Amino acid sequence: MHVRIYITYKNGVLDPQGKAVERSLHTLGYKEVQDVRMGKYLEVSLDVPSRKAADARIREMCEKLLANPVIEDYRFEIQDEKPSAVSDQQSAKHRAET
């Protein structure tokens, strides 16, 4: 199984990196940017027998190590197999074009 994990600060938690990026974007002329929140993105491959097992293990990993549940939220997507590099490149190209 292949898992994509997204970790972000909870609402109300100060995000100094996000604020720094926001100020830099304003300096570069992107005045329409109203808020920037930074986070972490991880990809994990698991050798588990089922999606249910993958779900349980990822939740455990996030709670114990990957995220700080006091100040961070997390979410994840489980895929049966790792997406191919071609489909990832096509997705990136599509996102860049829109």
PDB file of N, CA and C in Angstrom:
ATOM      1  N   MET A   1       0.842  -1.180   0.000  1.00  0.00           N
ATOM      2  CA  MET A   1       0.000   0.000   0.000  1.00  0.00           C
ATOM      3  C   MET A   1       0.889   1.246   0.000  1.00  0.00           C
ATOM      4  N   HIS A   2       0.388   2.265  -0.604  1.00  0.00           N
ATOM      5  CA  HIS A   2       1.093   3.547  -0.659  1.00  0.00           C
ATOM      6  C   HIS A   2       0.199   4.586   0.022  1.00  0.00           C
ATOM      7  N   VAL A   3       0.797   5.370   0.921  1.00  0.00           N
ATOM      8  CA  VAL A   3       0.026   6.333   1.700  1.00  0.00           C
ATOM      9  C   VAL A   3       0.639   7.716   1.553  1.00  0.00           C
ATOM     10  N   ARG A   4      -0.216   8.693   1.313  1.00  0.00           N
ATOM     11  CA  ARG A   4       0.183  10.101   1.294  1.00  0.00           C
ATOM     12  C   ARG A   4      -0.361  10.737   2.556  1.00  0.00           C
ATOM     13  N   ILE A   5       0.529  11.375   3.330  1.00  0.00           N
ATOM     14  CA  ILE A   5       0.150  11.957   4.613  1.00  0.00           C
ATOM     15  C   ILE A   5       0.352  13.472   4.550  1.00  0.00           C
ATOM     16  N   TYR A   6      -0.656  14.214   4.995  1.00  0.00           N
ATOM     17  CA  TYR A   6      -0.613  15.671   5.022  1.00  0.00           C
ATOM     18  C   TYR A   6      -0.763  16.123   6.473  1.00  0.00           C
ATOM     19  N   ILE A   7       0.193  16.915   6.957  1.00  0.00           N
ATOM     20  CA  ILE A   7       0.178  17.392   8.332  1.00  0.00           C
ATOM     21  C   ILE A   7       0.208  18.913   8.309  1.00  0.00           C
ATOM     22  N   THR A   8      -0.740  19.531   9.015  1.00  0.00           N
ATOM     23  CA  THR A   8      -0.821  20.988   9.053  1.00  0.00           C
ATOM     24  C   THR A   8      -1.073  21.450  10.483  1.00  0.00           C
ATOM     25  N   TYR A   9      -0.728  22.709  10.747  1.00  0.00           N
ATOM     26  CA  TYR A   9      -1.034  23.284  12.051  1.00  0.00           C
ATOM     27  C   TYR A   9      -2.544  23.378  12.217  1.00  0.00           C
ATOM     28  N   LYS A  10      -3.012  23.207  13.437  1.00  0.00           N
ATOM     29  CA  LYS A  10      -4.424  23.405  13.737  1.00  0.00           C
ATOM     30  C   LYS A  10      -4.748  24.886  13.606  1.00  0.00           C
ATOM     31  N   ASN A  11      -6.027  25.179  13.338  1.00  0.00           N
ATOM     32  CA  ASN A  11      -6.464  26.576  13.283  1.00  0.00           C
ATOM     33  C   ASN A  11      -6.168  27.239  14.617  1.00  0.00           C
ATOM     34  N   GLY A  12      -5.671  28.462  14.558  1.00  0.00           N
ATOM     35  CA  GLY A  12      -5.364  29.201  15.766  1.00  0.00           C
ATOM     36  C   GLY A  12      -3.932  29.041  16.246  1.00  0.00           C
ATOM     37  N   VAL A  13      -3.190  28.086  15.687  1.00  0.00           N
ATOM     38  CA  VAL A  13      -1.788  27.894  16.067  1.00  0.00           C
ATOM     39  C   VAL A  13      -0.921  28.793  15.193  1.00  0.00           C
ATOM     40  N   LEU A  14      -0.041  29.545  15.813  1.00  0.00           N
ATOM     41  CA  LEU A  14       0.852  30.441  15.089  1.00  0.00           C
ATOM     42  C   LEU A  14       1.700  29.655  14.092  1.00  0.00           C
ATOM     43  N   ASP A  15       1.787  30.156  12.864  1.00  0.00           N
ATOM     44  CA  ASP A  15       2.560  29.513  11.803  1.00  0.00           C
ATOM     45  C   ASP A  15       3.582  30.520  11.269  1.00  0.00           C
ATOM     46  N   PRO A  16       4.744  30.624  11.912  1.00  0.00           N
ATOM     47  CA  PRO A  16       5.722  31.640  11.497  1.00  0.00           C
ATOM     48  C   PRO A  16       6.245  31.432  10.079  1.00  0.00           C
ATOM     49  N   GLN A  17       6.419  30.190   9.641  1.00  0.00           N
ATOM     50  CA  GLN A  17       6.885  29.953   8.263  1.00  0.00           C
ATOM     51  C   GLN A  17       5.834  30.432   7.261  1.00  0.00           C
ATOM     52  N   GLY A  18       4.581  30.129   7.534  1.00  0.00           N
ATOM     53  CA  GLY A  18       3.507  30.571   6.648  1.00  0.00           C
ATOM     54  C   GLY A  18       3.452  32.085   6.549  1.00  0.00           C
ATOM     55  N   LYS A  19       3.614  32.758   7.691  1.00  0.00           N
ATOM     56  CA  LYS A  19       3.595  34.226   7.694  1.00  0.00           C
ATOM     57  C   LYS A  19       4.782  34.788   6.913  1.00  0.00           C
ATOM     58  N   ALA A  20       5.944  34.152   7.027  1.00  0.00           N
ATOM     59  CA  ALA A  20       7.128  34.615   6.290  1.00  0.00           C
ATOM     60  C   ALA A  20       6.900  34.477   4.789  1.00  0.00           C
ATOM     61  N   VAL A  21       6.323  33.373   4.365  1.00  0.00           N
ATOM     62  CA  VAL A  21       6.035  33.168   2.941  1.00  0.00           C
ATOM     63  C   VAL A  21       4.991  34.183   2.474  1.00  0.00           C
ATOM     64  N   GLU A  22       3.973  34.420   3.293  1.00  0.00           N
ATOM     65  CA  GLU A  22       2.941  35.404   2.952  1.00  0.00           C
ATOM     66  C   GLU A  22       3.556  36.790   2.738  1.00  0.00           C
ATOM     67  N   ARG A  23       4.427  37.204   3.656  1.00  0.00           N
ATOM     68  CA  ARG A  23       5.089  38.524   3.509  1.00  0.00           C
ATOM     69  C   ARG A  23       5.945  38.569   2.247  1.00  0.00           C
ATOM     70  N   SER A  24       6.653  37.488   1.974  1.00  0.00           N
ATOM     71  CA  SER A  24       7.502  37.451   0.772  1.00  0.00           C
ATOM     72  C   SER A  24       6.661  37.533  -0.497  1.00  0.00           C
ATOM     73  N   LEU A  25       5.529  36.848  -0.517  1.00  0.00           N
ATOM     74  CA  LEU A  25       4.644  36.927  -1.686  1.00  0.00           C
ATOM     75  C   LEU A  25       4.114  38.340  -1.864  1.00  0.00           C
ATOM     76  N   HIS A  26       3.764  38.996  -0.772  1.00  0.00           N
ATOM     77  CA  HIS A  26       3.320  40.396  -0.862  1.00  0.00           C
ATOM     78  C   HIS A  26       4.434  41.287  -1.415  1.00  0.00           C
ATOM     79  N   THR A  27       5.660  41.062  -0.948  1.00  0.00           N
ATOM     80  CA  THR A  27       6.805  41.834  -1.427  1.00  0.00           C
ATOM     81  C   THR A  27       7.011  41.644  -2.928  1.00  0.00           C
ATOM     82  N   LEU A  28       6.728  40.439  -3.418  1.00  0.00           N
ATOM     83  CA  LEU A  28       6.880  40.152  -4.845  1.00  0.00           C
ATOM     84  C   LEU A  28       5.692  40.639  -5.677  1.00  0.00           C
ATOM     85  N   GLY A  29       4.710  41.262  -5.025  1.00  0.00           N
ATOM     86  CA  GLY A  29       3.595  41.834  -5.763  1.00  0.00           C
ATOM     87  C   GLY A  29       2.317  41.012  -5.746  1.00  0.00           C
ATOM     88  N   TYR A  30       2.297  39.923  -5.006  1.00  0.00           N
ATOM     89  CA  TYR A  30       1.094  39.085  -4.933  1.00  0.00           C
ATOM     90  C   TYR A  30       0.240  39.527  -3.753  1.00  0.00           C
ATOM     91  N   LYS A  31      -0.311  40.726  -3.872  1.00  0.00           N
ATOM     92  CA  LYS A  31      -1.070  41.331  -2.777  1.00  0.00           C
ATOM     93  C   LYS A  31      -2.386  40.610  -2.508  1.00  0.00           C
ATOM     94  N   GLU A  32      -2.859  39.812  -3.466  1.00  0.00           N
ATOM     95  CA  GLU A  32      -4.128  39.104  -3.282  1.00  0.00           C
ATOM     96  C   GLU A  32      -4.026  37.932  -2.299  1.00  0.00           C
ATOM     97  N   VAL A  33      -2.815  37.522  -1.964  1.00  0.00           N
ATOM     98  CA  VAL A  33      -2.632  36.425  -1.009  1.00  0.00           C
ATOM     99  C   VAL A  33      -3.053  36.913   0.373  1.00  0.00           C
ATOM    100  N   GLN A  34      -3.996  36.206   0.978  1.00  0.00           N
ATOM    101  CA  GLN A  34      -4.522  36.619   2.273  1.00  0.00           C
ATOM    102  C   GLN A  34      -3.975  35.799   3.434  1.00  0.00           C
ATOM    103  N   ASP A  35      -3.597  34.553   3.185  1.00  0.00           N
ATOM    104  CA  ASP A  35      -3.104  33.712   4.273  1.00  0.00           C
ATOM    105  C   ASP A  35      -2.322  32.550   3.683  1.00  0.00           C
ATOM    106  N   VAL A  36      -1.230  32.190   4.323  1.00  0.00           N
ATOM    107  CA  VAL A  36      -0.429  31.036   3.914  1.00  0.00           C
ATOM    108  C   VAL A  36      -0.215  30.170   5.142  1.00  0.00           C
ATOM    109  N   ARG A  37      -0.491  28.902   5.018  1.00  0.00           N
ATOM    110  CA  ARG A  37      -0.250  27.940   6.088  1.00  0.00           C
ATOM    111  C   ARG A  37       0.718  26.896   5.551  1.00  0.00           C
ATOM    112  N   MET A  38       1.773  26.624   6.299  1.00  0.00           N
ATOM    113  CA  MET A  38       2.757  25.622   5.901  1.00  0.00           C
ATOM    114  C   MET A  38       2.397  24.286   6.548  1.00  0.00           C
ATOM    115  N   GLY A  39       2.926  23.229   5.966  1.00  0.00           N
ATOM    116  CA  GLY A  39       2.680  21.914   6.525  1.00  0.00           C
ATOM    117  C   GLY A  39       3.748  20.940   6.076  1.00  0.00           C
ATOM    118  N   LYS A  40       3.493  19.671   6.357  1.00  0.00           N
ATOM    119  CA  LYS A  40       4.412  18.603   5.962  1.00  0.00           C
ATOM    120  C   LYS A  40       3.661  17.629   5.073  1.00  0.00           C
ATOM    121  N   TYR A  41       4.392  17.048   4.130  1.00  0.00           N
ATOM    122  CA  TYR A  41       3.844  16.044   3.234  1.00  0.00           C
ATOM    123  C   TYR A  41       4.787  14.850   3.259  1.00  0.00           C
ATOM    124  N   LEU A  42       4.243  13.665   3.490  1.00  0.00           N
ATOM    125  CA  LEU A  42       5.060  12.460   3.527  1.00  0.00           C
ATOM    126  C   LEU A  42       4.421  11.391   2.653  1.00  0.00           C
ATOM    127  N   GLU A  43       5.249  10.544   2.066  1.00  0.00           N
ATOM    128  CA  GLU A  43       4.785   9.360   1.351  1.00  0.00           C
ATOM    129  C   GLU A  43       5.387   8.155   2.043  1.00  0.00           C
ATOM    130  N   VAL A  44       4.535   7.177   2.352  1.00  0.00           N
ATOM    131  CA  VAL A  44       4.969   5.982   3.058  1.00  0.00           C
ATOM    132  C   VAL A  44       4.449   4.760   2.300  1.00  0.00           C
ATOM    133  N   SER A  45       5.322   3.799   2.089  1.00  0.00           N
ATOM    134  CA  SER A  45       4.910   2.523   1.502  1.00  0.00           C
ATOM    135  C   SER A  45       4.837   1.499   2.622  1.00  0.00           C
ATOM    136  N   LEU A  46       3.750   0.750   2.646  1.00  0.00           N
ATOM    137  CA  LEU A  46       3.527  -0.239   3.694  1.00  0.00           C
ATOM    138  C   LEU A  46       3.314  -1.618   3.089  1.00  0.00           C
ATOM    139  N   ASP A  47       3.812  -2.625   3.771  1.00  0.00           N
ATOM    140  CA  ASP A  47       3.539  -4.012   3.408  1.00  0.00           C
ATOM    141  C   ASP A  47       2.573  -4.568   4.450  1.00  0.00           C
ATOM    142  N   VAL A  48       1.289  -4.354   4.211  1.00  0.00           N
ATOM    143  CA  VAL A  48       0.243  -4.792   5.139  1.00  0.00           C
ATOM    144  C   VAL A  48      -0.815  -5.579   4.369  1.00  0.00           C
ATOM    145  N   PRO A  49      -1.584  -6.418   5.063  1.00  0.00           N
ATOM    146  CA  PRO A  49      -2.538  -7.286   4.370  1.00  0.00           C
ATOM    147  C   PRO A  49      -3.812  -6.605   3.872  1.00  0.00           C
ATOM    148  N   SER A  50      -4.161  -5.413   4.415  1.00  0.00           N
ATOM    149  CA  SER A  50      -5.435  -4.800   4.020  1.00  0.00           C
ATOM    150  C   SER A  50      -5.396  -3.292   4.221  1.00  0.00           C
ATOM    151  N   ARG A  51      -6.386  -2.629   3.627  1.00  0.00           N
ATOM    152  CA  ARG A  51      -6.531  -1.181   3.808  1.00  0.00           C
ATOM    153  C   ARG A  51      -6.830  -0.857   5.276  1.00  0.00           C
ATOM    154  N   LYS A  52      -7.596  -1.717   5.914  1.00  0.00           N
ATOM    155  CA  LYS A  52      -7.930  -1.512   7.320  1.00  0.00           C
ATOM    156  C   LYS A  52      -6.658  -1.539   8.176  1.00  0.00           C
ATOM    157  N   ALA A  53      -5.779  -2.479   7.890  1.00  0.00           N
ATOM    158  CA  ALA A  53      -4.507  -2.558   8.618  1.00  0.00           C
ATOM    159  C   ALA A  53      -3.648  -1.325   8.331  1.00  0.00           C
ATOM    160  N   ALA A  54      -3.626  -0.882   7.073  1.00  0.00           N
ATOM    161  CA  ALA A  54      -2.860   0.315   6.710  1.00  0.00           C
ATOM    162  C   ALA A  54      -3.400   1.530   7.458  1.00  0.00           C
ATOM    163  N   ASP A  55      -4.709   1.668   7.508  1.00  0.00           N
ATOM    164  CA  ASP A  55      -5.344   2.784   8.201  1.00  0.00           C
ATOM    165  C   ASP A  55      -4.924   2.806   9.669  1.00  0.00           C
ATOM    166  N   ALA A  56      -5.004   1.662  10.333  1.00  0.00           N
ATOM    167  CA  ALA A  56      -4.661   1.585  11.756  1.00  0.00           C
ATOM    168  C   ALA A  56      -3.187   1.920  11.998  1.00  0.00           C
ATOM    169  N   ARG A  57      -2.310   1.377  11.162  1.00  0.00           N
ATOM    170  CA  ARG A  57      -0.870   1.609  11.348  1.00  0.00           C
ATOM    171  C   ARG A  57      -0.499   3.065  11.095  1.00  0.00           C
ATOM    172  N   ILE A  58      -1.059   3.674  10.060  1.00  0.00           N
ATOM    173  CA  ILE A  58      -0.750   5.072   9.751  1.00  0.00           C
ATOM    174  C   ILE A  58      -1.252   5.985  10.863  1.00  0.00           C
ATOM    175  N   ARG A  59      -2.459   5.736  11.347  1.00  0.00           N
ATOM    176  CA  ARG A  59      -2.980   6.547  12.465  1.00  0.00           C
ATOM    177  C   ARG A  59      -2.036   6.457  13.666  1.00  0.00           C
ATOM    178  N   GLU A  60      -1.594   5.254  13.956  1.00  0.00           N
ATOM    179  CA  GLU A  60      -0.668   5.045  15.079  1.00  0.00           C
ATOM    180  C   GLU A  60       0.642   5.807  14.864  1.00  0.00           C
ATOM    181  N   MET A  61       1.188   5.726  13.649  1.00  0.00           N
ATOM    182  CA  MET A  61       2.437   6.429  13.336  1.00  0.00           C
ATOM    183  C   MET A  61       2.278   7.942  13.481  1.00  0.00           C
ATOM    184  N   CYS A  62       1.152   8.457  12.996  1.00  0.00           N
ATOM    185  CA  CYS A  62       0.908   9.898  13.084  1.00  0.00           C
ATOM    186  C   CYS A  62       0.774  10.341  14.535  1.00  0.00           C
ATOM    187  N   GLU A  63       0.044   9.584  15.324  1.00  0.00           N
ATOM    188  CA  GLU A  63      -0.171   9.945  16.726  1.00  0.00           C
ATOM    189  C   GLU A  63       1.111   9.848  17.553  1.00  0.00           C
ATOM    190  N   LYS A  64       1.962   8.869  17.245  1.00  0.00           N
ATOM    191  CA  LYS A  64       3.160   8.639  18.050  1.00  0.00           C
ATOM    192  C   LYS A  64       4.382   9.440  17.602  1.00  0.00           C
ATOM    193  N   LEU A  65       4.494   9.734  16.297  1.00  0.00           N
ATOM    194  CA  LEU A  65       5.736  10.342  15.810  1.00  0.00           C
ATOM    195  C   LEU A  65       5.554  11.435  14.770  1.00  0.00           C
ATOM    196  N   LEU A  66       4.778  11.185  13.751  1.00  0.00           N
ATOM    197  CA  LEU A  66       4.781  12.073  12.591  1.00  0.00           C
ATOM    198  C   LEU A  66       4.122  13.419  12.836  1.00  0.00           C
ATOM    199  N   ALA A  67       3.068  13.451  13.642  1.00  0.00           N
ATOM    200  CA  ALA A  67       2.360  14.699  13.923  1.00  0.00           C
ATOM    201  C   ALA A  67       2.347  14.936  15.426  1.00  0.00           C
ATOM    202  N   ASN A  68       2.284  16.195  15.788  1.00  0.00           N
ATOM    203  CA  ASN A  68       2.112  16.561  17.189  1.00  0.00           C
ATOM    204  C   ASN A  68       0.626  16.852  17.376  1.00  0.00           C
ATOM    205  N   PRO A  69      -0.130  15.909  17.943  1.00  0.00           N
ATOM    206  CA  PRO A  69      -1.583  16.072  18.005  1.00  0.00           C
ATOM    207  C   PRO A  69      -2.050  17.266  18.835  1.00  0.00           C
ATOM    208  N   VAL A  70      -1.162  17.868  19.615  1.00  0.00           N
ATOM    209  CA  VAL A  70      -1.536  19.048  20.393  1.00  0.00           C
ATOM    210  C   VAL A  70      -1.699  20.256  19.474  1.00  0.00           C
ATOM    211  N   ILE A  71      -0.828  20.387  18.477  1.00  0.00           N
ATOM    212  CA  ILE A  71      -0.853  21.586  17.625  1.00  0.00           C
ATOM    213  C   ILE A  71      -1.070  21.283  16.146  1.00  0.00           C
ATOM    214  N   GLU A  72      -1.076  20.001  15.758  1.00  0.00           N
ATOM    215  CA  GLU A  72      -1.190  19.668  14.337  1.00  0.00           C
ATOM    216  C   GLU A  72      -2.357  18.716  14.077  1.00  0.00           C
ATOM    217  N   ASP A  73      -2.936  18.886  12.896  1.00  0.00           N
ATOM    218  CA  ASP A  73      -3.926  17.953  12.360  1.00  0.00           C
ATOM    219  C   ASP A  73      -3.245  17.141  11.275  1.00  0.00           C
ATOM    220  N   TYR A  74      -3.783  15.976  10.993  1.00  0.00           N
ATOM    221  CA  TYR A  74      -3.256  15.184   9.890  1.00  0.00           C
ATOM    222  C   TYR A  74      -4.395  14.502   9.159  1.00  0.00           C
ATOM    223  N   ARG A  75      -4.124  14.194   7.915  1.00  0.00           N
ATOM    224  CA  ARG A  75      -5.038  13.396   7.094  1.00  0.00           C
ATOM    225  C   ARG A  75      -4.180  12.575   6.158  1.00  0.00           C
ATOM    226  N   PHE A  76      -4.746  11.516   5.636  1.00  0.00           N
ATOM    227  CA  PHE A  76      -3.968  10.684   4.729  1.00  0.00           C
ATOM    228  C   PHE A  76      -4.857  10.015   3.702  1.00  0.00           C
ATOM    229  N   GLU A  77      -4.210   9.612   2.612  1.00  0.00           N
ATOM    230  CA  GLU A  77      -4.874   8.912   1.511  1.00  0.00           C
ATOM    231  C   GLU A  77      -4.149   7.590   1.304  1.00  0.00           C
ATOM    232  N   ILE A  78      -4.900   6.506   1.268  1.00  0.00           N
ATOM    233  CA  ILE A  78      -4.314   5.192   1.053  1.00  0.00           C
ATOM    234  C   ILE A  78      -4.599   4.759  -0.378  1.00  0.00           C
ATOM    235  N   GLN A  79      -3.544   4.331  -1.068  1.00  0.00           N
ATOM    236  CA  GLN A  79      -3.680   3.812  -2.429  1.00  0.00           C
ATOM    237  C   GLN A  79      -3.151   2.382  -2.433  1.00  0.00           C
ATOM    238  N   ASP A  80      -3.731   1.551  -3.276  1.00  0.00           N
ATOM    239  CA  ASP A  80      -3.306   0.153  -3.325  1.00  0.00           C
ATOM    240  C   ASP A  80      -1.868  -0.001  -3.788  1.00  0.00           C
ATOM    241  N   GLU A  81      -1.445   0.882  -4.651  1.00  0.00           N
ATOM    242  CA  GLU A  81      -0.058   0.830  -5.115  1.00  0.00           C
ATOM    243  C   GLU A  81       0.447   2.230  -5.345  1.00  0.00           C
ATOM    244  N   LYS A  82       1.763   2.373  -5.415  1.00  0.00           N
ATOM    245  CA  LYS A  82       2.368   3.683  -5.635  1.00  0.00           C
ATOM    246  C   LYS A  82       2.034   4.176  -7.034  1.00  0.00           C
ATOM    247  N   PRO A  83       1.583   5.421  -7.152  1.00  0.00           N
ATOM    248  CA  PRO A  83       1.312   5.973  -8.481  1.00  0.00           C
ATOM    249  C   PRO A  83       2.582   6.019  -9.318  1.00  0.00           C
ATOM    250  N   SER A  84       2.423   5.835 -10.605  1.00  0.00           N
ATOM    251  CA  SER A  84       3.598   5.866 -11.478  1.00  0.00           C
ATOM    252  C   SER A  84       4.130   7.290 -11.597  1.00  0.00           C
ATOM    253  N   ALA A  85       5.393   7.398 -11.917  1.00  0.00           N
ATOM    254  CA  ALA A  85       6.018   8.712 -12.086  1.00  0.00           C
ATOM    255  C   ALA A  85       5.350   9.473 -13.226  1.00  0.00           C
ATOM    256  N   VAL A  86       4.907   8.752 -14.262  1.00  0.00           N
ATOM    257  CA  VAL A  86       4.261   9.403 -15.398  1.00  0.00           C
ATOM    258  C   VAL A  86       2.964  10.067 -14.950  1.00  0.00           C
ATOM    259  N   SER A  87       2.142   9.363 -14.175  1.00  0.00           N
ATOM    260  CA  SER A  87       0.883   9.961 -13.750  1.00  0.00           C
ATOM    261  C   SER A  87       1.130  11.122 -12.799  1.00  0.00           C
ATOM    262  N   ASP A  88       2.168  11.041 -11.952  1.00  0.00           N
ATOM    263  CA  ASP A  88       2.513  12.152 -11.075  1.00  0.00           C
ATOM    264  C   ASP A  88       2.926  13.373 -11.890  1.00  0.00           C
ATOM    265  N   GLN A  89       3.716  13.160 -12.962  1.00  0.00           N
ATOM    266  CA  GLN A  89       4.151  14.267 -13.805  1.00  0.00           C
ATOM    267  C   GLN A  89       2.965  14.874 -14.540  1.00  0.00           C
ATOM    268  N   GLN A  90       2.052  14.032 -15.016  1.00  0.00           N
ATOM    269  CA  GLN A  90       0.871  14.540 -15.715  1.00  0.00           C
ATOM    270  C   GLN A  90       0.003  15.347 -14.761  1.00  0.00           C
ATOM    271  N   SER A  91      -0.145  14.873 -13.523  1.00  0.00           N
ATOM    272  CA  SER A  91      -0.927  15.604 -12.534  1.00  0.00           C
ATOM    273  C   SER A  91      -0.294  16.960 -12.249  1.00  0.00           C
ATOM    274  N   ALA A  92       1.027  16.979 -12.098  1.00  0.00           N
ATOM    275  CA  ALA A  92       1.733  18.233 -11.833  1.00  0.00           C
ATOM    276  C   ALA A  92       1.570  19.193 -13.003  1.00  0.00           C
ATOM    277  N   LYS A  93       1.661  18.672 -14.225  1.00  0.00           N
ATOM    278  CA  LYS A  93       1.503  19.508 -15.410  1.00  0.00           C
ATOM    279  C   LYS A  93       0.092  20.076 -15.462  1.00  0.00           C
ATOM    280  N   HIS A  94      -0.903  19.245 -15.154  1.00  0.00           N
ATOM    281  CA  HIS A  94      -2.284  19.703 -15.161  1.00  0.00           C
ATOM    282  C   HIS A  94      -2.496  20.803 -14.121  1.00  0.00           C
ATOM    283  N   ARG A  95      -1.942  20.605 -12.914  1.00  0.00           N
ATOM    284  CA  ARG A  95      -2.088  21.614 -11.859  1.00  0.00           C
ATOM    285  C   ARG A  95      -1.429  22.920 -12.280  1.00  0.00           C
ATOM    286  N   ALA A  96      -0.284  22.832 -12.963  1.00  0.00           N
ATOM    287  CA  ALA A  96       0.424  24.035 -13.395  1.00  0.00           C
ATOM    288  C   ALA A  96      -0.351  24.783 -14.479  1.00  0.00           C
ATOM    289  N   GLU A  97      -1.105  24.043 -15.280  1.00  0.00           N
ATOM    290  CA  GLU A  97      -1.845  24.654 -16.382  1.00  0.00           C
ATOM    291  C   GLU A  97      -3.156  25.293 -15.932  1.00  0.00           C
ATOM    292  N   THR A  98      -3.671  24.873 -14.783  1.00  0.00           N
ATOM    293  CA  THR A  98      -4.965  25.396 -14.344  1.00  0.00           C
ATOM    294  C   THR A  98      -4.817  26.559 -13.408  1.00  0.00           C
TER     295      THR A  98
END
